Amino acid sequence: MVARHDLATDPRLQEELLQARRGTAFFARKLNELADSELDGASLLAGWSRRHVVAHVGYNARAIARLVEWAASSVETPMYASPEARNQEINFGATLSPIALRNLFDHSAVHLSVEWRDLPDANWAHEVRTAQGRTVPASETVWMRTREVWVHAVDLDSGATFNDIPTSVLERLLKDITSAWKIRGTDTGLLIKVNDTAGNGTSLTFGDTTAGEPTIITGPLPAVVEWAAGRGNSGITAAGPGAPTQEMPAAPAWI
């Protein structure tokens, strides 16, 4: 008999599941605000239409659901057969009729939510492997999806901004991005200073804290994350050797 509620009992995981589902609902709202004809329009991602974004988010839910199924059954089920298969899937999805594309998003989101709901408490610690080859506990799938739905809701370019993303999600996202830079060594001489993260005067610092004369990127949390994610540079300032002409330097590659 299937569960009628999440089997997960860890309070932190329960909160993360709620945030992922809220992000899914937010993406759905922004998608529903688009007329069918507007799906053909450009997204904020170079080379991708809104159709590509919707297809990606839909197939991403299915891919993450496969990881949850892996954790439940201990039978290896990779997210994608290959990077090429993933790209082909997205390109195919972008050709679907508007109603089929919308159904892809709706049905895949429900499927993933049910897989999360029915995963036994102990299985959340089971290890799975992401498309990037990282070995992570199944609980990481919740953050993987949270990141996708909130950021890609902005990418739809239908009115959402990084200001709509919850502070807790933005902070974790910035930690992810700057950690990726650090691993690759692309953050050398780059210091990120976030002002007033929650309206309470709290500040955060990321990046290369050892540089003698770093390039300093400063601004409110939503604007800094928008820049770090490669989505824009409004609302932030740059100073130092990397910005000699007061032009905003491009952020290092994230993914």
Protein backbone atom coordinates (compact mmCIF):
# COMPACT_ATOMS: atom_id res chain seq x y z
CA MET A 1 0.00 0.00 0.00
CA VAL A 2 1.49 3.34 -1.04
CA ALA A 3 1.97 6.13 1.45
CA ARG A 4 -0.41 9.09 1.61
CA HIS A 5 2.32 11.33 2.96
CA ASP A 6 6.10 11.57 2.82
CA LEU A 7 7.82 8.68 4.56
CA ALA A 8 10.81 10.92 5.29
CA THR A 9 10.86 11.96 8.95
CA ASP A 10 13.95 14.18 9.11
CA PRO A 11 12.72 17.76 9.71
CA ARG A 12 15.44 19.30 7.52
CA LEU A 13 14.65 16.95 4.65
CA GLN A 14 10.94 17.66 5.04
CA GLU A 15 11.66 21.39 4.74
CA GLU A 16 13.80 20.81 1.66
CA LEU A 17 11.03 18.76 0.04
CA LEU A 18 8.61 21.60 0.72
CA GLN A 19 10.98 24.09 -0.90
CA ALA A 20 11.37 21.87 -3.98
CA ARG A 21 7.61 21.56 -4.34
CA ARG A 22 7.14 25.28 -3.89
CA GLY A 23 9.68 25.85 -6.65
CA THR A 24 7.81 23.41 -8.87
CA ALA A 25 4.57 25.28 -8.23
CA PHE A 26 6.30 28.58 -9.00
CA PHE A 27 7.65 27.24 -12.30
CA ALA A 28 4.17 25.93 -13.14
CA ARG A 29 2.65 29.36 -12.47
CA LYS A 30 5.15 31.15 -14.71
CA LEU A 31 4.63 28.54 -17.42
CA ASN A 32 0.86 28.88 -17.21
CA GLU A 33 1.17 32.63 -17.64
CA LEU A 34 2.58 32.02 -21.12
CA ALA A 35 0.25 31.61 -24.07
CA ASP A 36 0.94 28.62 -26.33
CA SER A 37 2.33 30.91 -29.02
CA GLU A 38 4.76 32.44 -26.52
CA LEU A 39 6.45 29.08 -25.96
CA ASP A 40 8.21 29.65 -29.27
CA GLY A 41 9.89 32.78 -27.89
CA ALA A 42 13.46 33.00 -26.68
CA SER A 43 14.40 32.09 -23.12
CA LEU A 44 17.22 33.71 -21.16
CA LEU A 45 19.49 30.81 -22.16
CA ALA A 46 21.45 31.31 -25.36
CA GLY A 47 20.23 29.01 -28.12
CA TRP A 48 17.23 27.77 -26.18
CA SER A 49 13.61 28.71 -26.70
CA ARG A 50 11.12 28.57 -23.88
CA ARG A 51 10.15 25.20 -25.31
CA HIS A 52 13.67 23.91 -24.61
CA VAL A 53 13.50 25.12 -21.02
CA VAL A 54 10.16 23.43 -20.39
CA ALA A 55 11.32 20.20 -22.03
CA HIS A 56 14.53 20.24 -19.99
CA VAL A 57 12.70 20.78 -16.70
CA GLY A 58 10.23 18.01 -17.55
CA TYR A 59 12.84 15.46 -18.52
CA ASN A 60 14.99 16.51 -15.57
CA ALA A 61 12.17 15.44 -13.24
CA ARG A 62 12.09 12.04 -14.91
CA ALA A 63 15.87 11.74 -14.66
CA ILE A 64 15.90 12.61 -10.97
CA ALA A 65 13.01 10.19 -10.40
CA ARG A 66 15.24 7.47 -11.82
CA LEU A 67 17.80 8.24 -9.12
CA VAL A 68 15.11 8.00 -6.44
CA GLU A 69 14.02 4.66 -7.92
CA TRP A 70 17.67 3.57 -7.73
CA ALA A 71 17.74 4.45 -4.04
CA ALA A 72 14.49 2.56 -3.45
CA SER A 73 15.41 -0.62 -5.31
CA SER A 74 19.23 -0.66 -5.21
CA VAL A 75 19.06 -1.34 -8.97
CA GLU A 76 21.28 1.15 -10.80
CA THR A 77 19.21 3.47 -12.98
CA PRO A 78 21.31 6.37 -14.33
CA MET A 79 19.79 9.77 -14.96
CA TYR A 80 20.60 9.60 -18.69
CA ALA A 81 22.10 7.01 -21.00
CA SER A 82 24.65 9.62 -22.11
CA PRO A 83 25.07 13.40 -22.45
CA GLU A 84 24.12 13.01 -26.10
CA ALA A 85 20.92 11.18 -25.20
CA ARG A 86 20.04 13.96 -22.77
CA ASN A 87 20.50 16.63 -25.42
CA GLN A 88 18.52 14.66 -28.00
CA GLU A 89 15.70 14.24 -25.50
CA ILE A 90 15.52 17.98 -24.84
CA ASN A 91 15.60 18.82 -28.54
CA PHE A 92 12.83 16.32 -29.21
CA GLY A 93 10.75 17.66 -26.33
CA ALA A 94 11.03 21.18 -27.73
CA THR A 95 9.16 19.99 -30.84
CA LEU A 96 6.12 18.72 -28.93
CA SER A 97 2.75 20.41 -29.27
CA PRO A 98 2.01 22.98 -26.55
CA ILE A 99 -0.43 20.68 -24.74
CA ALA A 100 2.01 17.75 -24.87
CA LEU A 101 4.84 19.95 -23.60
CA ARG A 102 2.73 21.21 -20.71
CA ASN A 103 1.64 17.66 -19.91
CA LEU A 104 5.28 16.56 -19.91
CA PHE A 105 6.04 19.09 -17.19
CA ASP A 106 2.92 18.34 -15.14
CA HIS A 107 3.13 14.56 -15.26
CA SER A 108 6.89 14.36 -14.65
CA ALA A 109 6.60 16.69 -11.65
CA VAL A 110 3.87 14.54 -10.10
CA HIS A 111 5.88 11.38 -10.79
CA LEU A 112 8.95 12.75 -9.02
CA SER A 113 6.92 13.99 -6.07
CA VAL A 114 5.36 10.53 -5.63
CA GLU A 115 8.77 8.83 -5.83
CA TRP A 116 10.00 11.14 -3.07
CA ARG A 117 6.86 10.57 -1.03
CA ASP A 118 7.15 6.78 -1.13
CA LEU A 119 10.91 6.50 -0.50
CA PRO A 120 11.41 4.74 2.85
CA ASP A 121 13.12 6.80 5.51
CA ALA A 122 16.29 4.69 5.56
CA ASN A 123 16.72 4.79 1.77
CA TRP A 124 17.37 8.53 1.65
CA ALA A 125 20.97 7.75 2.64
CA HIS A 126 21.48 5.30 -0.24
CA GLU A 127 24.07 6.53 -2.71
CA VAL A 128 23.31 7.33 -6.34
CA ARG A 129 25.34 8.91 -9.13
CA THR A 130 24.49 12.19 -10.84
CA ALA A 131 24.86 12.93 -14.55
CA GLN A 132 28.14 14.71 -13.71
CA GLY A 133 29.49 11.54 -12.10
CA ARG A 134 29.17 12.68 -8.47
CA THR A 135 28.21 10.04 -5.91
CA VAL A 136 25.65 11.54 -3.53
CA PRO A 137 22.99 10.35 -1.08
CA ALA A 138 19.45 10.21 -2.47
CA SER A 139 18.59 13.19 -0.27
CA GLU A 140 20.70 15.34 -2.62
CA THR A 141 18.10 14.81 -5.36
CA VAL A 142 15.83 17.26 -3.55
CA TRP A 143 18.34 20.09 -3.84
CA MET A 144 19.12 19.12 -7.44
CA ARG A 145 15.48 19.64 -8.32
CA THR A 146 15.05 22.75 -6.18
CA ARG A 147 17.88 24.45 -8.04
CA GLU A 148 16.44 23.48 -11.42
CA VAL A 149 12.88 24.70 -10.95
CA TRP A 150 13.65 28.03 -9.28
CA VAL A 151 16.41 29.09 -11.68
CA HIS A 152 14.68 27.88 -14.82
CA ALA A 153 11.49 29.68 -13.81
CA VAL A 154 13.53 32.85 -14.29
CA ASP A 155 14.93 31.50 -17.56
CA LEU A 156 11.41 31.30 -18.98
CA ASP A 157 11.57 35.10 -19.17
CA SER A 158 7.92 35.43 -18.27
CA GLY A 159 8.29 37.87 -15.39
CA ALA A 160 10.15 35.89 -12.72
CA THR A 161 13.38 37.33 -11.31
CA PHE A 162 15.99 36.20 -8.81
CA ASN A 163 14.16 38.39 -6.28
CA ASP A 164 11.38 35.78 -6.35
CA ILE A 165 13.71 33.00 -5.22
CA PRO A 166 13.74 32.34 -1.44
CA THR A 167 16.79 33.58 0.44
CA SER A 168 17.71 30.10 1.67
CA VAL A 169 17.76 28.82 -1.91
CA LEU A 170 19.82 31.78 -3.12
CA GLU A 171 22.41 31.34 -0.37
CA ARG A 172 22.83 27.63 -1.07
CA LEU A 173 22.96 28.28 -4.80
CA LEU A 174 25.73 30.83 -4.36
CA LYS A 175 27.68 28.37 -2.19
CA ASP A 176 27.31 25.75 -4.94
CA ILE A 177 28.49 28.11 -7.65
CA THR A 178 31.47 29.50 -5.76
CA SER A 179 32.45 25.99 -4.64
CA ALA A 180 32.49 24.89 -8.29
CA TRP A 181 34.74 27.86 -9.09
CA LYS A 182 37.09 26.97 -6.25
CA ILE A 183 37.37 23.33 -7.35
CA ARG A 184 38.28 24.45 -10.88
CA GLY A 185 40.55 27.25 -9.64
CA THR A 186 38.57 29.85 -11.58
CA ASP A 187 37.87 32.02 -8.54
CA THR A 188 41.47 33.20 -8.17
CA GLY A 189 41.53 36.89 -7.29
CA LEU A 190 37.73 37.08 -7.18
CA LEU A 191 35.93 38.05 -3.96
CA ILE A 192 32.14 38.12 -3.63
CA LYS A 193 30.57 40.31 -0.96
CA VAL A 194 26.82 40.05 -0.45
CA ASN A 195 25.10 42.87 1.39
CA ASP A 196 21.97 42.59 3.53
CA THR A 197 21.06 38.98 2.71
CA ALA A 198 17.74 38.90 4.55
CA GLY A 199 16.98 42.54 5.18
CA ASN A 200 18.68 42.34 8.56
CA GLY A 201 22.09 43.78 7.72
CA THR A 202 23.78 40.37 7.53
CA SER A 203 26.57 40.07 4.93
CA LEU A 204 28.24 37.06 3.34
CA THR A 205 31.64 36.62 1.71
CA PHE A 206 32.61 34.02 -0.89
CA GLY A 207 35.49 33.40 -3.28
CA ASP A 208 39.22 33.99 -2.95
CA THR A 209 39.72 35.48 0.52
CA THR A 210 43.52 35.15 0.29
CA ALA A 211 44.11 37.47 -2.66
CA GLY A 212 46.02 40.64 -1.81
CA GLU A 213 44.18 42.84 -4.31
CA PRO A 214 41.08 40.93 -5.40
CA THR A 215 38.40 41.99 -7.82
CA ILE A 216 35.47 42.59 -5.48
CA ILE A 217 31.89 41.97 -6.62
CA THR A 218 29.36 43.61 -4.30
CA GLY A 219 25.59 43.73 -4.20
CA PRO A 220 22.39 42.31 -2.73
CA LEU A 221 21.98 38.54 -2.71
CA PRO A 222 19.53 38.16 -5.66
CA ALA A 223 21.67 40.37 -7.92
CA VAL A 224 24.92 38.63 -6.97
CA VAL A 225 23.44 35.17 -7.60
CA GLU A 226 22.01 36.35 -10.92
CA TRP A 227 25.51 37.47 -11.94
CA ALA A 228 27.22 34.35 -10.59
CA ALA A 229 24.77 32.13 -12.47
CA GLY A 230 25.51 33.99 -15.69
CA ARG A 231 22.05 35.54 -16.00
CA GLY A 232 22.82 39.26 -15.77
CA ASN A 233 24.80 41.95 -13.97
CA SER A 234 22.35 44.64 -12.89
CA GLY A 235 22.39 45.85 -9.30
CA ILE A 236 26.00 44.92 -8.53
CA THR A 237 29.33 46.72 -8.64
CA ALA A 238 32.87 45.61 -9.36
CA ALA A 239 36.12 47.11 -8.15
CA GLY A 240 39.73 46.05 -8.36
CA PRO A 241 42.26 44.74 -10.89
CA GLY A 242 39.66 42.68 -12.78
CA ALA A 243 37.49 45.71 -13.43
CA PRO A 244 39.89 48.51 -14.38
CA THR A 245 37.38 50.28 -16.59
CA GLN A 246 34.49 49.85 -14.15
CA GLU A 247 32.95 47.32 -16.50
CA MET A 248 31.36 44.28 -14.86
CA PRO A 249 33.53 41.21 -15.48
CA ALA A 250 31.79 38.04 -16.60
CA ALA A 251 31.36 35.40 -13.91
CA PRO A 252 33.40 32.21 -14.27
CA ALA A 253 31.52 29.29 -15.80
CA TRP A 254 29.27 27.56 -13.30
CA ILE A 255 28.27 24.24 -14.93
